Amino acid sequence: MTTTPRGEGEGEGECTCRSSNRPDIGETPERILDPNEYFDWTTPAKKVAVDECIADEVLALWKAGIWTRGSCCGHNDFWDRSIILDEDVVVIPFSLVSRQTKLKQWKLVDLTRPNE
C-alpha cells in the first residue's frame, strides 16, 4: 500500500498513485487485477486497472463475493477514496475497507421518456 498516514489520526495521507486521466500526477503505477479469479462469469471479464493504494480493499471485497463497478484512491485527497459497489449489494461491507474509504452504490435508473 502506498498511502502513508500523516498527522495524528486526522486521516490525511500522501498517495503516490499515478492518475489514469492525469499521468503527470503520481509515480506508482496501477495494479492490474483479474476478476476472473474471484467471479465465475459466463464470458470472462477483462482485467481491471486499480489504483495501487486501494487495490487491497477492492480485492477484499472481491474475495467476499462483492463486485465493484469502479474505484479511485482520491490521488492525494485521502478523504476522497471511493469504491462503487454493484446495485445488488444489500449488506454494506464496511469492515472490509478502511474508515476513510467511501462506499458508493451504482443504481440503474430507467430514464425512458413517457409516450407523448
Protein backbone atom coordinates (compact mmCIF):
# COMPACT_ATOMS: atom_id res chain seq x y z
CA MET A 1 0.00 0.00 0.00
CA THR A 2 1.43 3.39 -0.94
CA THR A 3 -0.62 5.64 1.33
CA THR A 4 1.32 6.95 4.30
CA PRO A 5 -0.83 8.47 7.05
CA ARG A 6 0.20 11.96 8.19
CA GLY A 7 -0.84 13.83 11.30
CA GLU A 8 -2.35 12.44 14.46
CA GLY A 9 -5.40 10.44 13.37
CA GLU A 10 -6.51 13.18 11.01
CA GLY A 11 -6.98 10.69 8.18
CA GLU A 12 -4.77 12.63 5.80
CA GLY A 13 -2.36 10.72 3.65
CA GLU A 14 0.15 11.12 0.91
CA CYS A 15 -0.65 9.00 -2.12
CA THR A 16 1.86 8.32 -4.86
CA CYS A 17 -0.55 6.61 -7.29
CA ARG A 18 -0.40 7.70 -10.91
CA SER A 19 -3.71 9.09 -12.09
CA SER A 20 -5.01 7.48 -15.30
CA ASN A 21 -6.54 10.75 -16.50
CA ARG A 22 -3.68 12.93 -15.19
CA PRO A 23 -0.46 10.94 -15.78
CA ASP A 24 1.58 13.93 -14.56
CA ILE A 25 0.28 13.19 -11.03
CA GLY A 26 1.91 10.38 -9.08
CA GLU A 27 4.58 7.83 -9.81
CA THR A 28 3.20 4.48 -8.59
CA PRO A 29 1.54 2.55 -11.44
CA GLU A 30 -1.86 0.97 -11.02
CA ARG A 31 -2.20 -2.70 -10.11
CA ILE A 32 -3.83 -4.96 -12.70
CA LEU A 33 -6.41 -7.27 -11.10
CA ASP A 34 -8.13 -10.25 -12.71
CA PRO A 35 -11.77 -10.53 -11.59
CA ASN A 36 -11.99 -13.99 -13.17
CA GLU A 37 -10.01 -15.32 -10.19
CA TYR A 38 -12.90 -14.35 -7.86
CA PHE A 39 -16.05 -14.50 -10.01
CA ASP A 40 -17.46 -17.12 -12.35
CA TRP A 41 -18.53 -15.22 -15.45
CA THR A 42 -20.32 -16.70 -18.46
CA THR A 43 -17.93 -14.66 -20.59
CA PRO A 44 -14.54 -13.92 -18.97
CA ALA A 45 -14.15 -10.32 -17.82
CA LYS A 46 -11.27 -8.08 -18.83
CA LYS A 47 -8.56 -7.37 -16.30
CA VAL A 48 -9.06 -4.18 -14.30
CA ALA A 49 -6.57 -1.40 -13.52
CA VAL A 50 -6.95 -0.27 -9.89
CA ASP A 51 -5.06 2.45 -8.01
CA GLU A 52 -2.33 0.67 -6.05
CA CYS A 53 -3.19 2.15 -2.66
CA ILE A 54 -6.83 0.99 -2.85
CA ALA A 55 -6.26 -2.35 -4.64
CA ASP A 56 -6.14 -4.41 -1.42
CA GLU A 57 -9.58 -3.09 -0.42
CA VAL A 58 -11.03 -3.93 -3.85
CA LEU A 59 -9.54 -7.43 -3.57
CA ALA A 60 -11.04 -7.88 -0.08
CA LEU A 61 -14.48 -7.05 -1.49
CA TRP A 62 -14.00 -9.41 -4.44
CA LYS A 63 -12.86 -12.22 -2.14
CA ALA A 64 -16.10 -11.70 -0.20
CA GLY A 65 -18.04 -12.09 -3.47
CA ILE A 66 -18.84 -8.38 -3.82
CA TRP A 67 -18.42 -7.00 -7.33
CA THR A 68 -17.27 -3.40 -7.66
CA ARG A 69 -18.18 -1.07 -10.54
CA GLY A 70 -15.24 1.27 -10.07
CA SER A 71 -12.82 2.79 -7.60
CA CYS A 72 -10.49 5.73 -7.10
CA CYS A 73 -7.99 6.33 -4.32
CA GLY A 74 -8.51 10.11 -4.47
CA HIS A 75 -4.95 10.84 -5.65
CA ASN A 76 -3.61 12.58 -2.58
CA ASP A 77 -7.05 13.51 -1.24
CA PHE A 78 -7.26 10.80 1.41
CA TRP A 79 -10.90 11.60 2.22
CA ASP A 80 -11.98 11.18 -1.41
CA ARG A 81 -11.14 7.46 -1.67
CA SER A 82 -14.17 5.76 -3.22
CA ILE A 83 -15.31 2.30 -4.24
CA ILE A 84 -18.53 1.92 -6.22
CA LEU A 85 -20.49 -1.24 -5.39
CA ASP A 86 -22.90 -3.01 -7.73
CA GLU A 87 -26.59 -2.22 -7.24
CA ASP A 88 -27.44 -5.69 -5.90
CA VAL A 89 -25.27 -5.36 -2.76
CA VAL A 90 -27.67 -5.44 0.18
CA VAL A 91 -25.32 -5.74 3.15
CA ILE A 92 -22.79 -2.91 3.15
CA PRO A 93 -19.36 -4.44 3.97
CA PHE A 94 -17.80 -1.57 5.94
CA SER A 95 -15.48 -3.94 7.81
CA LEU A 96 -13.66 -4.82 4.57
CA VAL A 97 -12.46 -1.30 3.81
CA SER A 98 -10.64 1.47 5.66
CA ARG A 99 -12.58 4.11 7.56
CA GLN A 100 -11.53 6.73 5.02
CA THR A 101 -12.92 4.87 2.00
CA LYS A 102 -16.37 5.94 0.87
CA LEU A 103 -18.56 3.10 -0.33
CA LYS A 104 -20.95 4.24 -3.02
CA GLN A 105 -23.54 2.22 -4.86
CA TRP A 106 -24.36 2.01 -8.53
CA LYS A 107 -28.12 2.23 -9.16
CA LEU A 108 -29.66 1.70 -12.58
CA VAL A 109 -32.45 4.19 -13.13
CA ASP A 110 -34.79 3.99 -16.12
CA LEU A 111 -34.94 7.45 -17.69
CA THR A 112 -37.16 6.42 -20.59
CA ARG A 113 -39.36 9.23 -21.79
CA PRO A 114 -43.09 8.62 -21.36
CA ASN A 115 -45.19 8.34 -24.51
CA GLU A 116 -46.38 11.77 -25.58
